[in-house]
Amino acid sequence: MSLIPATILTGFLGSGKTTLLKRVLSEAHGQKIAVVENEFGEENIDNEILVADTQENIIQMSNGCICCTIRDDLRATLQDLAEKKRKGELTFDRVVIETTGLADPGPVAQTFFMDDEVAEQYLLDSILTLVDAKHAQTQLDDRQEARRQVGFADQIFISKADLVTPGELDALTHRLKHMNPRAPMRAVHFGEVALSEVFDLRGFNLNAKLDIDPDFLKTEDEHNHDHAHGHEGHDHAPGEACNHPSHQHEGHGHHHHHDDDVKSFVYRATRPFNPAKLEDFLGAIVQVYGPRMLRYKGVLDMEGTDRKVIFQGVHQLMGSDLGPLWAEGEPRVSKMVFIGLDLPRDILVQGLDQALV
């Protein structure tokens, strides 16, 4: 049986998760979706689109979608859904898990890797985070959960962008990019977003593509030209990039520097890694800093193989795989991105440098 794709939808309170969900559910796309709500809060899917509000955990909805609340833990609910699907009692093509506005998506994502039964039945596709443009700066300042949700995201949707000035939106995207340069972002209007941008994003696939926002890398390179020769490149120190002329758009420097605890940095190396040394170092780092490591991914040049090595992780869980061959004449550069809470960048950089051949 093919795996059931699952998407985790997370986002700030009032960011419009329910609006987005309703739109996805009502769009005639021929897919049946099971929605798992982490709790029925104020913002739950309105009862008018539910057929019957029964005592059951799982409620069939008028458009054929299924909705269930998690009164018990997520594992049990997911297993229950998969079993009913297997027996033909329910039909659905994919699952969307809507977390509460303050939830940390980490443990939800880990369920898909830690629990064998869940891992055998589901494929975690991606984590989508909705950010409310109007209240984002305050929420990011005040709530670590909001910052973590940004760090975890594979795709960021910014809602209510029409309620802020272009300058404010620009400052917000700049801030979000520093926290998470690998998630594409786009402003959405009242949840109007194509399904192709919501589903099958393959955020957890081990693929040979490492999507890092090119602007983020550009600020790095502008800063790095002086030691680009032979030295392994490390990007700008936290906060430095904000002084680049390229960021003083038309001379009004409106980028205030926020020293967020969720930060990202990119590591690159032009020499190959020694596999044993790298494994030892990453294993040790994950033991110590795992809870603070939100998402990390790399495409690596390893000694002893002509293939790219792809690795990625969430918290303490790390996986790696052999990817495609390095192409003829392609520069064999290792690239990694780390997103986490106050990660000790110098320790990481030093350890990675020492794991090179």
Protein backbone atom coordinates (compact mmCIF):
# COMPACT_ATOMS: atom_id res chain seq x y z
CA MET A 1 0.00 0.00 0.00
CA SER A 2 1.30 3.42 -0.79
CA LEU A 3 2.04 5.76 2.08
CA ILE A 4 -0.47 8.41 3.10
CA PRO A 5 1.05 11.89 2.72
CA ALA A 6 0.76 14.13 5.78
CA THR A 7 1.16 17.89 6.10
CA ILE A 8 1.59 19.79 9.36
CA LEU A 9 -0.09 23.19 9.34
CA THR A 10 1.14 25.51 12.03
CA GLY A 11 1.05 29.22 12.57
CA PHE A 12 0.49 32.14 14.86
CA LEU A 13 -2.87 32.65 16.54
CA GLY A 14 -5.16 34.51 14.17
CA SER A 15 -2.88 33.96 11.18
CA GLY A 16 -5.66 32.34 9.18
CA LYS A 17 -4.87 28.63 9.40
CA THR A 18 -8.57 27.82 9.41
CA THR A 19 -9.23 30.10 6.43
CA LEU A 20 -6.47 28.37 4.50
CA LEU A 21 -7.77 24.94 5.54
CA LYS A 22 -11.34 25.75 4.53
CA ARG A 23 -10.15 26.89 1.15
CA VAL A 24 -8.12 23.73 0.65
CA LEU A 25 -11.06 21.59 1.76
CA SER A 26 -13.60 23.34 -0.40
CA GLU A 27 -11.52 23.50 -3.55
CA ALA A 28 -12.79 20.89 -5.98
CA HIS A 29 -9.62 18.94 -6.44
CA GLY A 30 -10.89 15.41 -6.28
CA GLN A 31 -8.84 14.62 -3.22
CA LYS A 32 -10.31 13.63 0.08
CA ILE A 33 -8.47 15.05 3.03
CA ALA A 34 -8.53 13.95 6.65
CA VAL A 35 -7.98 16.89 8.96
CA VAL A 36 -6.59 16.22 12.40
CA GLU A 37 -6.96 19.12 14.78
CA ASN A 38 -4.59 19.19 17.69
CA GLU A 39 -7.44 20.59 19.70
CA PHE A 40 -10.73 22.18 18.90
CA GLY A 41 -9.98 25.73 19.96
CA GLU A 42 -11.82 28.94 19.18
CA GLU A 43 -10.69 28.65 15.62
CA ASN A 44 -11.90 25.16 14.76
CA ILE A 45 -13.46 24.37 11.42
CA ASP A 46 -17.00 25.63 11.65
CA ASN A 47 -19.65 23.12 12.48
CA GLU A 48 -21.66 24.13 9.45
CA ILE A 49 -19.31 22.16 7.24
CA LEU A 50 -19.48 19.17 9.55
CA VAL A 51 -22.27 16.74 8.82
CA ALA A 52 -22.92 15.78 12.39
CA ASP A 53 -21.24 16.72 15.60
CA THR A 54 -21.16 13.28 17.12
CA GLN A 55 -19.36 11.95 20.16
CA GLU A 56 -17.01 10.21 17.77
CA ASN A 57 -13.46 11.47 17.44
CA ILE A 58 -13.78 11.25 13.70
CA ILE A 59 -16.45 13.26 11.96
CA GLN A 60 -17.35 12.99 8.31
CA MET A 61 -17.72 16.41 6.72
CA SER A 62 -20.27 17.49 4.14
CA ASN A 63 -17.66 17.78 1.42
CA GLY A 64 -16.48 14.23 2.05
CA CYS A 65 -13.48 15.27 4.09
CA ILE A 66 -12.91 13.81 7.49
CA CYS A 67 -12.19 15.75 10.60
CA CYS A 68 -11.00 14.49 13.91
CA THR A 69 -9.85 16.03 17.12
CA ILE A 70 -6.99 14.64 19.08
CA ARG A 71 -8.43 13.87 22.43
CA ASP A 72 -5.80 11.22 22.84
CA ASP A 73 -2.33 11.33 21.38
CA LEU A 74 -1.48 11.86 17.75
CA ARG A 75 -0.04 8.37 17.27
CA ALA A 76 -3.29 6.70 18.25
CA THR A 77 -5.32 8.99 16.01
CA LEU A 78 -3.07 8.44 13.01
CA GLN A 79 -3.08 4.67 13.51
CA ASP A 80 -6.84 4.72 13.92
CA LEU A 81 -7.27 6.68 10.67
CA ALA A 82 -4.90 4.40 8.75
CA GLU A 83 -6.66 1.30 10.01
CA LYS A 84 -10.09 2.60 9.03
CA LYS A 85 -8.74 3.50 5.62
CA ARG A 86 -7.23 0.03 5.24
CA LYS A 87 -10.56 -1.61 6.15
CA GLY A 88 -12.39 0.64 3.73
CA GLU A 89 -14.41 2.32 6.50
CA LEU A 90 -13.02 5.72 5.56
CA THR A 91 -11.66 7.04 2.30
CA PHE A 92 -9.13 9.82 2.23
CA ASP A 93 -6.01 10.59 0.22
CA ARG A 94 -3.97 12.65 2.65
CA VAL A 95 -3.88 14.02 6.16
CA VAL A 96 -3.47 17.60 7.34
CA ILE A 97 -2.61 18.09 11.00
CA GLU A 98 -3.52 21.53 12.24
CA THR A 99 -1.61 22.40 15.40
CA THR A 100 -2.72 25.00 17.89
CA GLY A 101 -1.35 28.51 17.56
CA LEU A 102 1.23 27.91 20.26
CA ALA A 103 2.32 24.40 19.43
CA ASP A 104 5.88 23.39 18.71
CA PRO A 105 5.70 21.35 15.49
CA GLY A 106 8.87 19.40 16.43
CA PRO A 107 7.29 16.56 18.41
CA VAL A 108 4.50 16.28 15.83
CA ALA A 109 7.10 15.87 13.07
CA GLN A 110 9.10 13.40 15.14
CA THR A 111 6.06 11.13 15.51
CA PHE A 112 6.42 10.28 11.82
CA PHE A 113 9.97 9.02 12.29
CA MET A 114 9.99 7.64 15.82
CA ASP A 115 6.91 5.50 15.72
CA ASP A 116 7.34 2.47 13.49
CA GLU A 117 3.65 1.92 12.85
CA VAL A 118 3.15 5.54 11.83
CA ALA A 119 6.32 5.52 9.72
CA GLU A 120 5.11 2.44 7.85
CA GLN A 121 1.80 4.08 6.93
CA TYR A 122 2.52 7.78 6.50
CA LEU A 123 4.95 9.99 4.66
CA LEU A 124 5.53 13.36 6.29
CA ASP A 125 5.44 15.80 3.40
CA SER A 126 6.08 19.22 4.92
CA ILE A 127 5.52 21.74 7.66
CA LEU A 128 3.64 24.87 6.57
CA THR A 129 3.75 27.93 8.79
CA LEU A 130 1.32 30.83 8.53
CA VAL A 131 2.57 34.20 9.72
CA ASP A 132 0.21 37.10 10.39
CA ALA A 133 1.95 40.15 8.88
CA LYS A 134 0.05 42.61 11.04
CA HIS A 135 1.06 41.11 14.38
CA ALA A 136 4.14 39.14 13.41
CA GLN A 137 6.86 41.42 14.75
CA THR A 138 5.27 41.55 18.22
CA GLN A 139 4.52 37.83 18.23
CA LEU A 140 8.08 37.03 17.17
CA ASP A 141 9.42 39.35 19.88
CA ASP A 142 7.24 37.92 22.62
CA ARG A 143 6.83 34.23 21.87
CA GLN A 144 9.50 31.66 21.37
CA GLU A 145 6.88 29.23 20.00
CA ALA A 146 6.24 31.64 17.13
CA ARG A 147 9.97 31.79 16.37
CA ARG A 148 10.26 28.00 16.50
CA GLN A 149 7.37 27.63 14.06
CA VAL A 150 9.27 29.82 11.60
CA GLY A 151 12.45 27.78 12.06
CA PHE A 152 10.65 24.50 11.39
CA ALA A 153 8.85 25.59 8.25
CA ASP A 154 9.33 24.13 4.77
CA GLN A 155 7.05 26.82 3.37
CA ILE A 156 5.98 30.12 4.94
CA PHE A 157 2.74 31.85 4.02
CA ILE A 158 2.38 35.47 5.14
CA SER A 159 -1.26 36.41 5.67
CA LYS A 160 -2.79 39.86 6.13
CA ALA A 161 0.03 41.44 4.12
CA ASP A 162 -2.47 43.95 2.75
CA LEU A 163 -2.78 45.41 6.26
CA VAL A 164 0.85 46.54 6.44
CA THR A 165 3.02 48.88 4.36
CA PRO A 166 5.43 47.46 1.75
CA GLY A 167 8.29 48.59 4.02
CA GLU A 168 6.91 46.68 6.99
CA LEU A 169 6.39 43.58 4.86
CA ASP A 170 9.94 43.88 3.56
CA ALA A 171 11.34 44.18 7.08
CA LEU A 172 9.33 41.14 8.16
CA THR A 173 10.49 38.93 5.27
CA HIS A 174 14.07 40.01 5.94
CA ARG A 175 13.71 38.96 9.56
CA LEU A 176 12.08 35.64 8.65
CA LYS A 177 14.81 34.86 6.11
CA HIS A 178 17.48 35.19 8.73
CA MET A 179 15.61 32.73 10.89
CA ASN A 180 14.89 30.32 8.05
CA PRO A 181 16.63 30.82 4.70
CA ARG A 182 15.45 27.47 3.32
CA ALA A 183 11.68 28.01 3.37
CA PRO A 184 10.21 29.83 0.39
CA MET A 185 7.85 32.62 1.56
CA ARG A 186 4.94 34.27 -0.08
CA ALA A 187 2.17 36.60 0.90
CA VAL A 188 -1.27 35.01 0.56
CA HIS A 189 -4.60 36.74 0.46
CA PHE A 190 -7.38 35.24 2.59
CA GLY A 191 -6.02 31.76 2.10
CA GLU A 192 -6.12 31.98 -1.68
CA VAL A 193 -3.26 29.72 -2.51
CA ALA A 194 -2.83 27.05 -5.15
CA LEU A 195 -2.91 23.50 -3.84
CA SER A 196 0.35 22.83 -5.62
CA GLU A 197 1.96 25.19 -3.12
CA VAL A 198 0.44 23.40 -0.16
CA PHE A 199 0.79 19.70 -0.93
CA ASP A 200 3.56 17.44 -2.20
CA LEU A 201 6.30 19.90 -1.32
CA ARG A 202 8.62 17.06 -0.23
CA GLY A 203 10.12 19.08 2.56
CA PHE A 204 11.36 15.97 4.34
CA ASN A 205 12.56 14.17 1.24
CA LEU A 206 16.22 13.38 1.16
CA ASN A 207 16.82 15.01 -2.17
CA ALA A 208 19.92 16.53 -3.67
CA LYS A 209 18.43 20.00 -3.65
CA LEU A 210 19.25 22.28 -0.77
CA ASP A 211 16.94 25.24 -1.08
CA ILE A 212 18.48 28.22 0.61
CA ASP A 213 17.13 31.64 -0.16
CA PRO A 214 19.54 33.05 -2.77
CA ASP A 215 19.40 36.54 -1.22
CA PHE A 216 20.65 35.06 2.02
CA LEU A 217 23.60 33.49 0.23
CA LYS A 218 24.25 36.67 -1.69
CA THR A 219 24.68 38.75 1.45
CA GLU A 220 27.03 36.05 2.61
CA ASP A 221 29.19 36.16 -0.51
CA GLU A 222 29.38 39.93 -0.61
CA HIS A 223 30.73 39.70 2.86
CA ASN A 224 32.99 36.81 2.14
CA HIS A 225 35.00 37.87 -0.87
CA ASP A 226 38.11 38.59 1.17
CA HIS A 227 38.57 35.01 2.30
CA ALA A 228 37.03 33.13 -0.55
CA HIS A 229 40.42 31.71 -1.49
CA GLY A 230 40.77 28.20 -0.19
CA HIS A 231 39.25 29.02 3.17
CA GLU A 232 36.05 27.20 4.08
CA GLY A 233 33.36 29.87 3.84
CA HIS A 234 31.35 30.95 6.86
CA ASP A 235 28.66 33.52 6.35
CA HIS A 236 28.17 36.80 8.16
CA ALA A 237 28.03 37.04 11.92
CA PRO A 238 24.53 37.42 13.32
CA GLY A 239 23.20 40.88 12.59
CA GLU A 240 26.03 41.97 10.34
CA ALA A 241 24.15 41.51 7.10
CA CYS A 242 21.70 44.19 8.10
CA ASN A 243 24.29 46.86 7.40
CA HIS A 244 24.87 45.90 3.81
CA PRO A 245 24.10 48.72 1.40
CA SER A 246 22.00 46.23 -0.56
CA HIS A 247 19.65 46.09 2.39
CA GLN A 248 19.28 49.83 2.82
CA HIS A 249 16.55 49.84 0.21
CA GLU A 250 16.50 53.20 -1.56
CA GLY A 251 18.41 54.73 1.27
CA HIS A 252 15.81 54.29 4.01
CA GLY A 253 17.30 51.69 6.30
CA HIS A 254 14.20 50.32 7.94
CA HIS A 255 15.68 46.97 8.93
CA HIS A 256 15.89 47.02 12.66
CA HIS A 257 18.05 44.21 13.84
CA HIS A 258 16.18 41.69 15.93
CA ASP A 259 18.43 39.38 17.81
CA ASP A 260 16.14 36.39 17.55
CA ASP A 261 17.10 33.19 19.31
CA VAL A 262 16.04 31.18 16.25
CA LYS A 263 18.86 31.70 13.76
CA SER A 264 20.25 29.98 10.76
CA PHE A 265 23.64 29.74 9.25
CA VAL A 266 25.10 28.14 6.20
CA TYR A 267 28.36 26.20 6.22
CA ARG A 268 30.29 25.44 3.05
CA ALA A 269 33.43 23.48 2.41
CA THR A 270 35.45 22.82 -0.72
CA ARG A 271 37.40 19.89 0.74
CA PRO A 272 35.62 16.55 1.21
CA PHE A 273 34.51 15.24 4.61
CA ASN A 274 36.01 12.23 6.31
CA PRO A 275 32.86 10.12 6.84
CA ALA A 276 33.85 8.64 10.21
CA LYS A 277 34.94 11.98 11.66
CA LEU A 278 31.82 13.74 10.42
CA GLU A 279 29.54 11.04 11.81
CA ASP A 280 31.25 11.22 15.19
CA PHE A 281 31.01 14.98 15.32
CA LEU A 282 27.37 15.23 14.18
CA GLY A 283 26.40 12.42 16.55
CA ALA A 284 27.98 14.26 19.46
CA ILE A 285 26.43 17.62 18.52
CA VAL A 286 22.97 16.13 18.22
CA GLN A 287 23.31 14.50 21.64
CA VAL A 288 24.09 17.82 23.26
CA TYR A 289 22.19 20.37 21.18
CA GLY A 290 19.43 18.23 19.63
CA PRO A 291 16.55 19.89 21.47
CA ARG A 292 17.74 23.28 20.18
CA MET A 293 18.31 22.10 16.61
CA LEU A 294 15.08 22.62 14.70
CA ARG A 295 15.90 21.69 11.11
CA TYR A 296 19.21 21.01 9.43
CA LYS A 297 20.10 19.70 6.03
CA GLY A 298 23.16 19.25 3.89
CA VAL A 299 24.41 18.07 0.52
CA LEU A 300 27.91 16.81 1.16
CA ASP A 301 31.04 15.78 -0.63
CA MET A 302 32.31 12.67 1.16
CA GLU A 303 35.64 11.00 0.71
CA GLY A 304 35.28 7.56 -0.85
CA THR A 305 32.12 8.09 -2.88
CA ASP A 306 31.34 9.74 -6.20
CA ARG A 307 27.81 10.39 -5.08
CA LYS A 308 26.45 13.34 -3.18
CA VAL A 309 25.58 12.46 0.40
CA ILE A 310 22.34 14.04 1.59
CA PHE A 311 21.55 14.37 5.22
CA GLN A 312 18.86 16.10 7.22
CA GLY A 313 17.41 16.14 10.66
CA VAL A 314 14.80 17.37 13.10
CA HIS A 315 15.98 17.75 16.70
CA GLN A 316 17.90 14.56 17.61
CA LEU A 317 16.70 12.58 14.61
CA MET A 318 19.11 12.50 11.72
CA GLY A 319 19.04 10.56 8.47
CA SER A 320 21.33 10.35 5.47
CA ASP A 321 21.31 8.81 2.05
CA LEU A 322 23.39 8.55 -1.09
CA GLY A 323 22.17 10.93 -3.77
CA PRO A 324 23.04 11.29 -7.44
CA LEU A 325 26.57 11.29 -8.84
CA TRP A 326 28.49 14.55 -8.87
CA ALA A 327 28.21 15.74 -12.46
CA GLU A 328 31.21 15.98 -14.74
CA GLY A 329 32.98 19.26 -13.98
CA GLU A 330 30.57 20.17 -11.15
CA PRO A 331 32.45 21.78 -8.25
CA ARG A 332 32.27 19.39 -5.31
CA VAL A 333 31.18 21.79 -2.60
CA SER A 334 29.53 20.69 0.63
CA LYS A 335 26.72 22.94 1.79
CA MET A 336 24.81 22.71 5.04
CA VAL A 337 22.17 24.85 6.64
CA PHE A 338 21.45 24.74 10.37
CA ILE A 339 18.35 26.32 11.90
CA GLY A 340 18.06 26.34 15.65
CA LEU A 341 17.89 28.15 18.97
CA ASP A 342 21.13 29.85 19.91
CA LEU A 343 23.25 27.16 18.30
CA PRO A 344 26.97 27.48 19.13
CA ARG A 345 28.05 28.46 15.69
CA ASP A 346 31.78 28.56 16.43
CA ILE A 347 31.70 25.03 17.92
CA LEU A 348 29.81 23.74 14.88
CA VAL A 349 32.11 25.44 12.40
CA GLN A 350 35.25 24.28 14.19
CA GLY A 351 34.00 20.70 14.47
CA LEU A 352 32.94 20.56 10.83
CA ASP A 353 36.29 22.04 9.71
CA GLN A 354 38.07 19.33 11.70
CA ALA A 355 35.99 16.61 10.05
CA LEU A 356 37.27 17.60 6.61
CA VAL A 357 39.91 15.46 4.93
